[in-house]
């Protein structure tokens, strides 16, 4: 087939099988096994939040004389932030391809190791170029995590819970942000740690927490959905059978019969040409939706996450060692959004909730910009406004990852996540910090207001797109939302012969 990749030593396909694995996974009740998946995979988002927030909050301190680095605050929140996001974009594409080829488990272990090594070396920065290089490589590992983990989560969690679980896991980023904010208060206290040591220890703590996650993650299994597509049907059946026995023992009653079976043509790989043809040729409306959601949230979040501390320092004279307490408040609002609103994405529905959260957060941000422009805000009231805005924006942003993970065929899932994350984040996440750092550094209120308005406008535009194009995927199996490419081909071949 045109665009399909194959290996000289491994055949592109391995036969046709009929399996009930997807239906068996979707009819499972919530159990201890699912909690293990959530903890093993979802906790890396906490590390990402810790990492990004620490950088935003310690930027002022690293820029001070005596920190051990000759670097400015604008370079940290601008160039270094953009390099981190650029690394994440490239890492998503690189590891996303490998995730679809070699499985979810191998890659979500490898990407965490990359993150840990790069973060440890960031803590040892002795020159500006070293700091920039390992910020890029840290992002490279985190980008791979997004592709490997979101695909694994959605393939392992039952359809009845998929929306809320995905949102809460992605929203757990903000638990890390709270930790990073509070941690920076202690680490930046020069009565406890010298200027050139506290910020380094902040990064080092992320490494320690990452090692704990690595130990937990060893017990997370491969995705059975990936296994039966890639010629490992027996392994997929054995894994699901063991989980079923474990859950029946836990619940004390037999499971209901699965809803149906699917016939698929097993293969070892899917080429880039077929992936592109599927995403943009078969599902153009869904492609537009994914881009709109990612660009809107990427600009807003990457700009504000990296720049909020600079705003407090520049416009409200908040000391560099105190920005963490303010950020902890908006981080709490960010986590509460997906936590409290997540269930409605499974009950009220994807279209209403996605469009509603994007539009409402955009409109509230326009209101915040107006108040800021009129000089009506203090550091406290500015933080309160952002807390409300991001309560809704966080749920919307998390739904972007959910959307691109569930609306495209299984064989393209990791690459679809990687592609939309990379393209949307490159458009909004790289330009956002660079534009935002320049605007806030000027010290001119009007410049910062403009940055707010750009973010608000993009969020509202994405909300309008979602109102028309969002897919009603709530409580539906992944195979029902987007028929696997292998299943479609198997049906065609059966019809011919």
Protein backbone atom coordinates (compact mmCIF):
# COMPACT_ATOMS: atom_id res chain seq x y z
CA UNK A 1 0.00 0.00 0.00
CA UNK A 2 1.23 3.50 -0.80
CA UNK A 3 3.04 5.19 2.06
CA UNK A 4 3.35 2.04 4.15
CA UNK A 5 6.64 1.33 5.91
CA UNK A 6 7.96 -2.20 6.35
CA UNK A 7 11.09 -3.80 7.74
CA UNK A 8 13.41 -6.13 5.89
CA UNK A 9 13.42 -8.52 8.81
CA UNK A 10 9.82 -8.19 9.96
CA UNK A 11 6.78 -8.68 7.70
CA UNK A 12 4.35 -5.79 7.47
CA UNK A 13 1.40 -8.00 8.39
CA UNK A 14 0.86 -11.21 10.32
CA UNK A 15 -2.67 -12.39 9.55
CA UNK A 16 -6.34 -11.72 10.28
CA UNK A 17 -7.91 -12.31 13.70
CA UNK A 18 -11.27 -11.74 15.35
CA UNK A 19 -11.04 -10.44 18.91
CA UNK A 20 -13.28 -9.18 21.70
CA UNK A 21 -10.43 -7.44 23.55
CA UNK A 22 -11.77 -3.86 23.07
CA UNK A 23 -15.25 -4.79 24.26
CA UNK A 24 -13.81 -6.76 27.18
CA UNK A 25 -11.75 -3.76 28.30
CA UNK A 26 -14.66 -1.31 27.93
CA UNK A 27 -17.09 -3.34 30.05
CA UNK A 28 -14.74 -3.60 33.06
CA UNK A 29 -15.90 -1.88 36.26
CA UNK A 30 -13.52 0.54 37.96
CA UNK A 31 -10.98 -1.40 40.02
CA UNK A 32 -7.62 -1.36 41.78
CA UNK A 33 -6.03 -2.28 38.44
CA UNK A 34 -7.30 0.96 36.90
CA UNK A 35 -5.94 2.94 39.85
CA UNK A 36 -2.54 1.39 39.17
CA UNK A 37 -2.75 2.61 35.56
CA UNK A 38 -3.69 6.12 36.68
CA UNK A 39 -0.92 6.35 39.26
CA UNK A 40 1.75 4.77 37.08
CA UNK A 41 1.04 6.89 34.00
CA UNK A 42 -0.69 10.00 35.25
CA UNK A 43 1.89 11.02 37.83
CA UNK A 44 4.34 12.21 35.17
CA UNK A 45 2.06 15.16 34.54
CA UNK A 46 2.76 16.17 38.12
CA UNK A 47 6.46 16.16 37.27
CA UNK A 48 5.85 18.27 34.17
CA UNK A 49 3.90 20.80 36.24
CA UNK A 50 6.61 20.84 38.88
CA UNK A 51 9.29 21.37 36.23
CA UNK A 52 7.64 24.19 34.31
CA UNK A 53 6.43 26.03 37.41
CA UNK A 54 9.81 25.91 39.09
CA UNK A 55 11.37 27.56 36.04
CA UNK A 56 8.75 30.31 36.02
CA UNK A 57 9.12 31.01 39.72
CA UNK A 58 12.91 30.81 39.97
CA UNK A 59 13.51 32.85 36.82
CA UNK A 60 13.96 36.04 38.80
CA UNK A 61 16.39 34.42 41.21
CA UNK A 62 18.52 32.74 38.52
CA UNK A 63 18.78 36.11 36.78
CA UNK A 64 20.17 37.76 39.93
CA UNK A 65 23.89 38.25 40.45
CA UNK A 66 25.39 35.40 42.43
CA UNK A 67 23.08 32.68 41.09
CA UNK A 68 25.91 30.98 39.23
CA UNK A 69 24.55 31.74 35.75
CA UNK A 70 24.93 34.85 33.61
CA UNK A 71 21.36 34.97 32.28
CA UNK A 72 18.41 37.38 32.27
CA UNK A 73 14.86 36.72 33.44
CA UNK A 74 13.56 37.38 29.90
CA UNK A 75 15.96 34.75 28.52
CA UNK A 76 14.60 32.19 30.99
CA UNK A 77 10.90 32.91 30.47
CA UNK A 78 11.39 33.60 26.76
CA UNK A 79 14.19 31.75 24.98
CA UNK A 80 14.63 28.90 27.48
CA UNK A 81 10.87 28.40 27.64
CA UNK A 82 10.63 28.35 23.85
CA UNK A 83 13.47 25.81 23.66
CA UNK A 84 11.70 23.62 26.23
CA UNK A 85 8.52 23.69 24.13
CA UNK A 86 10.44 23.15 20.88
CA UNK A 87 12.05 20.10 22.45
CA UNK A 88 8.63 18.86 23.51
CA UNK A 89 7.32 19.24 19.96
CA UNK A 90 10.21 17.31 18.42
CA UNK A 91 10.14 14.73 21.21
CA UNK A 92 6.43 14.14 20.64
CA UNK A 93 6.98 13.46 16.95
CA UNK A 94 10.09 11.32 17.45
CA UNK A 95 8.75 9.20 20.30
CA UNK A 96 5.20 9.21 18.92
CA UNK A 97 6.36 7.33 15.85
CA UNK A 98 8.31 4.87 17.99
CA UNK A 99 5.27 4.42 20.28
CA UNK A 100 3.11 3.26 17.38
CA UNK A 101 5.90 0.97 16.13
CA UNK A 102 7.24 -0.59 19.31
CA UNK A 103 4.44 -0.23 21.84
CA UNK A 104 3.29 2.07 24.61
CA UNK A 105 5.17 0.47 27.49
CA UNK A 106 8.69 0.55 26.02
CA UNK A 107 8.34 4.18 25.13
CA UNK A 108 6.72 5.51 28.29
CA UNK A 109 9.68 3.99 30.15
CA UNK A 110 12.26 5.43 27.75
CA UNK A 111 10.80 8.94 27.69
CA UNK A 112 10.82 9.15 31.49
CA UNK A 113 14.50 8.20 31.55
CA UNK A 114 15.27 11.00 29.07
CA UNK A 115 13.36 13.47 31.22
CA UNK A 116 15.19 12.40 34.39
CA UNK A 117 18.66 12.64 32.85
CA UNK A 118 18.04 16.05 31.29
CA UNK A 119 16.53 17.50 34.48
CA UNK A 120 19.48 16.30 36.55
CA UNK A 121 21.91 17.94 34.14
CA UNK A 122 19.87 21.18 34.19
CA UNK A 123 20.50 21.36 37.93
CA UNK A 124 24.25 21.23 37.19
CA UNK A 125 24.19 24.17 34.76
CA UNK A 126 27.38 26.23 34.87
CA UNK A 127 26.98 28.17 31.59
CA UNK A 128 23.99 29.69 29.84
CA UNK A 129 24.33 27.40 26.81
CA UNK A 130 24.27 24.35 29.10
CA UNK A 131 21.02 25.53 30.71
CA UNK A 132 19.44 26.11 27.29
CA UNK A 133 20.57 22.70 25.95
CA UNK A 134 19.16 20.68 28.81
CA UNK A 135 15.94 22.68 28.96
CA UNK A 136 15.50 21.59 25.33
CA UNK A 137 16.27 17.95 26.15
CA UNK A 138 13.96 17.98 29.17
CA UNK A 139 11.18 19.12 26.86
CA UNK A 140 12.20 16.40 24.39
CA UNK A 141 11.47 13.75 27.03
CA UNK A 142 8.23 15.37 28.17
CA UNK A 143 6.94 15.59 24.57
CA UNK A 144 7.46 11.86 24.18
CA UNK A 145 5.52 11.31 27.39
CA UNK A 146 2.46 13.09 25.98
CA UNK A 147 2.29 10.77 22.96
CA UNK A 148 3.10 7.51 24.75
CA UNK A 149 0.98 8.06 27.85
CA UNK A 150 -2.19 9.60 26.41
CA UNK A 151 -2.46 6.76 23.89
CA UNK A 152 -1.94 4.14 26.62
CA UNK A 153 -4.42 5.74 29.02
CA UNK A 154 -7.25 5.94 26.52
CA UNK A 155 -6.67 2.37 25.35
CA UNK A 156 -6.70 0.94 28.90
CA UNK A 157 -9.50 2.93 30.56
CA UNK A 158 -13.14 1.77 30.02
CA UNK A 159 -15.18 4.00 27.71
CA UNK A 160 -17.63 4.85 30.52
CA UNK A 161 -14.84 6.63 32.45
CA UNK A 162 -12.45 7.65 29.66
CA UNK A 163 -13.35 11.33 29.48
CA UNK A 164 -13.14 12.21 33.16
CA UNK A 165 -10.05 10.04 33.77
CA UNK A 166 -8.18 11.55 30.84
CA UNK A 167 -9.06 15.09 31.93
CA UNK A 168 -8.13 14.54 35.56
CA UNK A 169 -4.83 12.88 34.64
CA UNK A 170 -3.90 15.72 32.30
CA UNK A 171 -5.11 18.18 34.93
CA UNK A 172 -2.83 16.58 37.55
CA UNK A 173 -0.12 18.70 35.93
CA UNK A 174 -1.36 21.40 38.25
CA UNK A 175 -0.74 19.37 41.37
CA UNK A 176 2.89 19.52 40.32
CA UNK A 177 2.50 23.24 39.70
CA UNK A 178 1.25 23.73 43.26
CA UNK A 179 4.19 21.73 44.57
CA UNK A 180 6.62 23.68 42.40
CA UNK A 181 5.19 26.98 43.58
CA UNK A 182 5.39 26.12 47.26
CA UNK A 183 8.77 24.47 46.81
CA UNK A 184 10.19 27.60 45.21
CA UNK A 185 9.25 29.65 48.27
CA UNK A 186 11.49 27.46 50.42
CA UNK A 187 14.25 26.98 47.86
CA UNK A 188 14.51 30.71 47.12
CA UNK A 189 14.77 31.66 50.78
CA UNK A 190 18.39 32.80 51.08
CA UNK A 191 18.21 32.29 54.83
CA UNK A 192 17.99 28.56 54.08
CA UNK A 193 19.91 28.09 50.81
CA UNK A 194 22.50 30.27 49.04
CA UNK A 195 21.46 31.97 45.79
CA UNK A 196 23.47 29.56 43.68
CA UNK A 197 22.11 26.40 45.33
CA UNK A 198 18.36 26.70 46.02
CA UNK A 199 17.24 26.74 42.39
CA UNK A 200 19.50 23.76 41.60
CA UNK A 201 17.96 21.72 44.42
CA UNK A 202 14.50 22.52 43.02
CA UNK A 203 15.40 20.72 39.79
CA UNK A 204 17.08 17.89 41.68
CA UNK A 205 13.87 17.18 43.60
CA UNK A 206 12.10 16.60 40.30
CA UNK A 207 14.62 13.87 39.55
CA UNK A 208 13.94 12.16 42.89
CA UNK A 209 10.18 12.19 42.30
CA UNK A 210 10.71 10.93 38.75
CA UNK A 211 12.65 7.92 40.01
CA UNK A 212 9.69 7.02 42.24
CA UNK A 213 7.35 7.23 39.24
CA UNK A 214 9.72 5.04 37.25
CA UNK A 215 9.49 2.31 39.89
CA UNK A 216 5.67 2.42 39.87
CA UNK A 217 5.49 2.49 36.10
CA UNK A 218 7.29 -0.84 35.74
CA UNK A 219 4.02 -2.55 36.70
CA UNK A 220 1.88 -0.85 34.04
CA UNK A 221 1.22 -3.32 31.19
CA UNK A 222 1.39 -2.89 27.45
CA UNK A 223 -1.83 -1.81 25.76
CA UNK A 224 -3.76 -4.95 24.67
CA UNK A 225 -5.21 -2.90 21.82
CA UNK A 226 -1.70 -2.26 20.50
CA UNK A 227 -0.78 -5.91 20.99
CA UNK A 228 -3.58 -7.46 18.95
CA UNK A 229 -3.01 -5.02 16.08
CA UNK A 230 0.73 -5.78 16.00
CA UNK A 231 0.62 -9.57 15.79
CA UNK A 232 0.49 -10.26 19.53
CA UNK A 233 -3.10 -11.41 19.80
CA UNK A 234 -2.36 -14.22 22.26
CA UNK A 235 -0.50 -11.85 24.62
CA UNK A 236 -3.40 -9.39 24.46
CA UNK A 237 -5.90 -12.14 25.32
CA UNK A 238 -3.75 -13.43 28.18
CA UNK A 239 -3.34 -9.95 29.65
CA UNK A 240 -7.04 -9.12 29.52
CA UNK A 241 -7.94 -12.53 30.94
CA UNK A 242 -5.63 -11.98 33.92
CA UNK A 243 -7.15 -8.56 34.54
CA UNK A 244 -10.67 -10.01 34.33
CA UNK A 245 -9.82 -12.69 36.90
CA UNK A 246 -8.31 -10.08 39.21
CA UNK A 247 -11.37 -7.82 38.97
CA UNK A 248 -13.87 -10.68 39.41
CA UNK A 249 -12.01 -11.68 42.56
CA UNK A 250 -12.01 -8.08 43.80
CA UNK A 251 -15.73 -7.50 43.07
CA UNK A 252 -16.88 -10.98 44.11
CA UNK A 253 -19.06 -11.53 41.04
CA UNK A 254 -18.63 -12.51 37.37
CA UNK A 255 -18.28 -9.87 34.68
CA UNK A 256 -21.03 -9.34 32.08
CA UNK A 257 -20.36 -10.70 28.58
CA UNK A 258 -18.54 -8.33 26.16
CA UNK A 259 -20.67 -6.37 23.70
CA UNK A 260 -19.08 -7.70 20.50
CA UNK A 261 -16.00 -8.58 18.47
CA UNK A 262 -13.89 -6.94 15.83
CA UNK A 263 -12.01 -8.51 12.93
CA UNK A 264 -8.67 -6.92 12.15
CA UNK A 265 -5.76 -7.49 9.79
CA UNK A 266 -2.64 -7.59 11.97
CA UNK A 267 0.42 -5.60 10.94
CA UNK A 268 3.78 -4.55 12.33
CA UNK A 269 3.80 -0.90 11.23
CA UNK A 270 1.79 1.91 9.65
CA UNK A 271 3.61 4.29 7.29
CA UNK A 272 3.61 8.09 7.52
CA UNK A 273 1.83 8.32 4.19
CA UNK A 274 -1.12 6.26 5.37
CA UNK A 275 -1.27 8.15 8.68
CA UNK A 276 -1.37 11.53 6.89
CA UNK A 277 -3.94 10.27 4.37
CA UNK A 278 -6.14 9.00 7.20
CA UNK A 279 -5.95 12.07 9.44
CA UNK A 280 -6.33 14.72 6.74
CA UNK A 281 -8.11 12.81 3.97
CA UNK A 282 -10.61 10.71 5.89
CA UNK A 283 -11.09 13.03 8.90
CA UNK A 284 -10.44 16.65 7.77
CA UNK A 285 -13.02 18.15 10.16
CA UNK A 286 -11.46 16.36 13.11
CA UNK A 287 -8.02 17.57 11.98
CA UNK A 288 -9.21 21.19 12.00
CA UNK A 289 -10.76 20.65 15.43
CA UNK A 290 -7.51 19.23 16.87
CA UNK A 291 -5.42 22.10 15.54
CA UNK A 292 -7.82 24.76 16.84
CA UNK A 293 -7.95 23.25 20.34
CA UNK A 294 -4.19 22.84 20.63
CA UNK A 295 -3.22 26.25 19.27
CA UNK A 296 -5.65 28.06 21.58
CA UNK A 297 -4.63 26.32 24.78
CA UNK A 298 -0.92 26.16 23.92
CA UNK A 299 -0.57 29.92 23.48
CA UNK A 300 -2.52 30.68 26.63
CA UNK A 301 -0.86 28.14 28.88
CA UNK A 302 2.74 28.33 27.75
CA UNK A 303 2.71 32.11 27.84
CA UNK A 304 1.09 32.39 31.25
CA UNK A 305 2.84 29.44 32.90
CA UNK A 306 6.25 30.79 32.03
CA UNK A 307 5.36 34.48 32.47
CA UNK A 308 2.99 34.87 35.42
CA UNK A 309 5.82 35.39 37.92
CA UNK A 310 7.34 38.09 35.70
CA UNK A 311 3.98 39.91 35.59
CA UNK A 312 3.72 39.96 39.37
CA UNK A 313 7.28 41.25 39.73
CA UNK A 314 7.05 43.84 36.94
CA UNK A 315 3.63 45.35 37.57
CA UNK A 316 2.89 44.65 41.22
CA UNK A 317 6.38 44.73 42.79
CA UNK A 318 6.01 41.23 44.24
CA UNK A 319 9.41 39.99 45.56
CA UNK A 320 11.02 37.21 43.51
CA UNK A 321 10.85 34.82 46.45
CA UNK A 322 7.08 35.29 46.91
CA UNK A 323 5.69 34.63 43.43
CA UNK A 324 5.27 30.94 44.24
CA UNK A 325 2.45 31.51 46.72
CA UNK A 326 0.42 33.41 44.10
CA UNK A 327 1.03 30.77 41.47
CA UNK A 328 -0.04 28.03 43.86
CA UNK A 329 -3.50 29.65 43.98
CA UNK A 330 -4.04 29.65 40.21
CA UNK A 331 -2.55 26.16 40.00
CA UNK A 332 -5.21 24.98 42.47
CA UNK A 333 -7.92 26.49 40.24
CA UNK A 334 -6.41 24.70 37.26
CA UNK A 335 -6.56 21.32 38.97
CA UNK A 336 -10.07 21.81 40.34
CA UNK A 337 -11.39 22.52 36.82
CA UNK A 338 -10.82 19.03 35.36
CA UNK A 339 -11.50 17.40 38.74
CA UNK A 340 -14.96 18.95 39.15
CA UNK A 341 -15.98 19.32 35.50
CA UNK A 342 -14.48 16.09 34.14
CA UNK A 343 -17.52 13.89 34.76
CA UNK A 344 -19.69 16.22 32.65
CA UNK A 345 -17.58 15.43 29.58
CA UNK A 346 -18.90 11.84 29.94
CA UNK A 347 -22.50 12.78 30.82
CA UNK A 348 -23.44 16.15 29.31
CA UNK A 349 -21.20 15.39 26.34
CA UNK A 350 -17.98 16.36 24.60
CA UNK A 351 -19.34 19.03 22.23
CA UNK A 352 -21.10 21.15 24.84
CA UNK A 353 -18.35 20.88 27.44
CA UNK A 354 -15.38 21.44 25.11
CA UNK A 355 -16.88 24.46 23.38
CA UNK A 356 -18.30 25.81 26.65
CA UNK A 357 -15.03 25.68 28.59
CA UNK A 358 -13.03 27.27 25.78
CA UNK A 359 -15.53 30.07 25.17
CA UNK A 360 -16.11 30.84 28.84
CA UNK A 361 -12.40 30.98 29.69
CA UNK A 362 -11.76 33.24 26.68
CA UNK A 363 -14.51 35.66 27.62
CA UNK A 364 -13.38 35.77 31.24
CA UNK A 365 -9.82 36.48 30.09
CA UNK A 366 -11.06 39.42 28.00
CA UNK A 367 -12.68 40.74 31.17
CA UNK A 368 -9.44 40.29 33.12
CA UNK A 369 -7.52 42.19 30.43
CA UNK A 370 -10.02 45.06 30.65
CA UNK A 371 -9.70 45.27 34.44
CA UNK A 372 -5.90 45.15 34.23
CA UNK A 373 -5.85 47.87 31.58
CA UNK A 374 -7.98 50.12 33.83
CA UNK A 375 -5.64 49.65 36.77
CA UNK A 376 -8.38 47.97 38.79
CA UNK A 377 -6.34 44.93 39.86
CA UNK A 378 -3.83 44.19 42.58
CA UNK A 379 -1.54 41.17 42.75
CA UNK A 380 -4.22 39.41 44.81
CA UNK A 381 -7.20 40.26 42.59
CA UNK A 382 -5.19 39.53 39.43
CA UNK A 383 -4.43 36.10 40.84
CA UNK A 384 -8.12 35.59 41.71
CA UNK A 385 -9.17 36.49 38.16
CA UNK A 386 -6.65 34.09 36.67
CA UNK A 387 -7.80 31.39 39.05
CA UNK A 388 -11.36 31.65 37.69
CA UNK A 389 -10.25 31.89 34.05
CA UNK A 390 -8.02 28.84 34.34
CA UNK A 391 -10.61 26.79 36.21
CA UNK A 392 -12.49 26.54 32.90
CA UNK A 393 -9.46 26.78 30.59
CA UNK A 394 -7.76 23.83 32.27
CA UNK A 395 -10.70 21.52 31.63
CA UNK A 396 -10.79 22.71 28.03
CA UNK A 397 -7.05 22.31 27.53
CA UNK A 398 -7.12 18.77 28.94
CA UNK A 399 -9.95 17.92 26.55
CA UNK A 400 -7.68 18.78 23.61
CA UNK A 401 -5.47 15.80 24.47
CA UNK A 402 -8.54 13.62 24.99
CA UNK A 403 -9.99 14.67 21.64
CA UNK A 404 -7.02 13.90 19.38
CA UNK A 405 -6.43 10.65 21.25
CA UNK A 406 -9.90 9.24 20.71
CA UNK A 407 -11.16 10.55 17.34
CA UNK A 408 -8.59 8.93 15.03
CA UNK A 409 -8.02 5.22 14.26
CA UNK A 410 -6.07 3.13 16.74
CA UNK A 411 -3.09 2.56 14.45
CA UNK A 412 -2.49 6.33 14.17
CA UNK A 413 -3.26 7.28 17.79
CA UNK A 414 0.21 8.07 19.19
CA UNK A 415 1.29 9.85 16.01
CA UNK A 416 -1.95 11.83 15.90
CA UNK A 417 -1.40 13.01 19.48
CA UNK A 418 2.22 13.82 18.66
CA UNK A 419 1.37 15.68 15.47
CA UNK A 420 -1.37 17.89 16.88
CA UNK A 421 0.55 18.52 20.07
CA UNK A 422 3.68 19.45 18.08
CA UNK A 423 1.98 21.62 15.47
CA UNK A 424 -0.40 23.34 17.88
CA UNK A 425 2.27 23.84 20.50
CA UNK A 426 4.79 25.09 17.94
CA UNK A 427 2.27 27.67 16.79
CA UNK A 428 1.13 28.75 20.23
CA UNK A 429 3.62 27.34 22.70
CA UNK A 430 6.85 28.60 21.13
CA UNK A 431 5.55 31.95 19.93
CA UNK A 432 3.59 32.44 23.17
CA UNK A 433 6.53 32.62 25.59
CA UNK A 434 8.64 34.66 23.15
CA UNK A 435 5.89 37.22 22.52
CA UNK A 436 4.77 37.26 26.13
CA UNK A 437 8.28 37.71 27.55
CA UNK A 438 8.91 40.64 25.23
CA UNK A 439 5.61 42.30 26.05
CA UNK A 440 5.82 41.91 29.82
CA UNK A 441 9.49 42.92 29.92
CA UNK A 442 8.59 46.29 28.44
CA UNK A 443 6.76 47.23 31.64
CA UNK A 444 3.98 48.80 29.56
CA UNK A 445 0.48 47.82 30.68
CA UNK A 446 -0.91 48.01 27.15
CA UNK A 447 1.60 45.47 25.87
CA UNK A 448 0.58 42.92 28.50
CA UNK A 449 -3.10 43.61 27.84
CA UNK A 450 -2.47 42.80 24.17
CA UNK A 451 -0.92 39.46 25.15
CA UNK A 452 -4.00 38.67 27.27
CA UNK A 453 -6.31 39.57 24.39
CA UNK A 454 -4.44 37.37 21.91
CA UNK A 455 -4.76 34.38 24.24
CA UNK A 456 -8.44 35.12 24.90
CA UNK A 457 -9.19 35.49 21.19
CA UNK A 458 -7.57 32.16 20.31
CA UNK A 459 -9.48 30.38 23.09
CA UNK A 460 -12.79 31.83 21.90
CA UNK A 461 -12.01 30.90 18.27
CA UNK A 462 -11.25 27.32 19.32
CA UNK A 463 -14.52 27.21 21.28
CA UNK A 464 -16.49 28.24 18.21
CA UNK A 465 -14.75 25.57 16.10
CA UNK A 466 -15.57 22.96 18.76
CA UNK A 467 -19.23 23.99 18.80
CA UNK A 468 -19.48 22.95 15.15
CA UNK A 469 -16.90 20.18 14.78
CA UNK A 470 -16.53 18.39 18.14
CA UNK A 471 -17.28 14.65 18.06
CA UNK A 472 -19.87 13.15 20.40
CA UNK A 473 -17.45 10.54 21.71
CA UNK A 474 -18.77 10.21 25.24
CA UNK A 475 -19.18 6.61 26.49
CA UNK A 476 -18.40 5.17 23.05
CA UNK A 477 -15.67 2.63 22.35
CA UNK A 478 -12.60 3.91 20.55
CA UNK A 479 -13.30 1.48 17.69
CA UNK A 480 -16.81 2.90 17.30
CA UNK A 481 -15.58 6.52 17.22
CA UNK A 482 -12.98 5.74 14.54
CA UNK A 483 -12.89 2.32 12.87
CA UNK A 484 -9.36 0.86 12.94
CA UNK A 485 -7.65 0.95 9.56
CA UNK A 486 -6.88 -2.74 9.87
CA UNK A 487 -10.54 -3.56 10.50
CA UNK A 488 -11.63 -1.63 7.42
CA UNK A 489 -9.10 -3.42 5.24
CA UNK A 490 -10.03 -6.80 6.68
CA UNK A 491 -13.68 -6.22 5.81
CA UNK A 492 -12.73 -5.19 2.28
CA UNK A 493 -10.60 -8.29 1.78
CA UNK A 494 -13.33 -10.55 3.18
CA UNK A 495 -15.87 -8.98 0.87
CA UNK A 496 -13.67 -9.68 -2.12
CA UNK A 497 -13.01 -13.27 -1.25
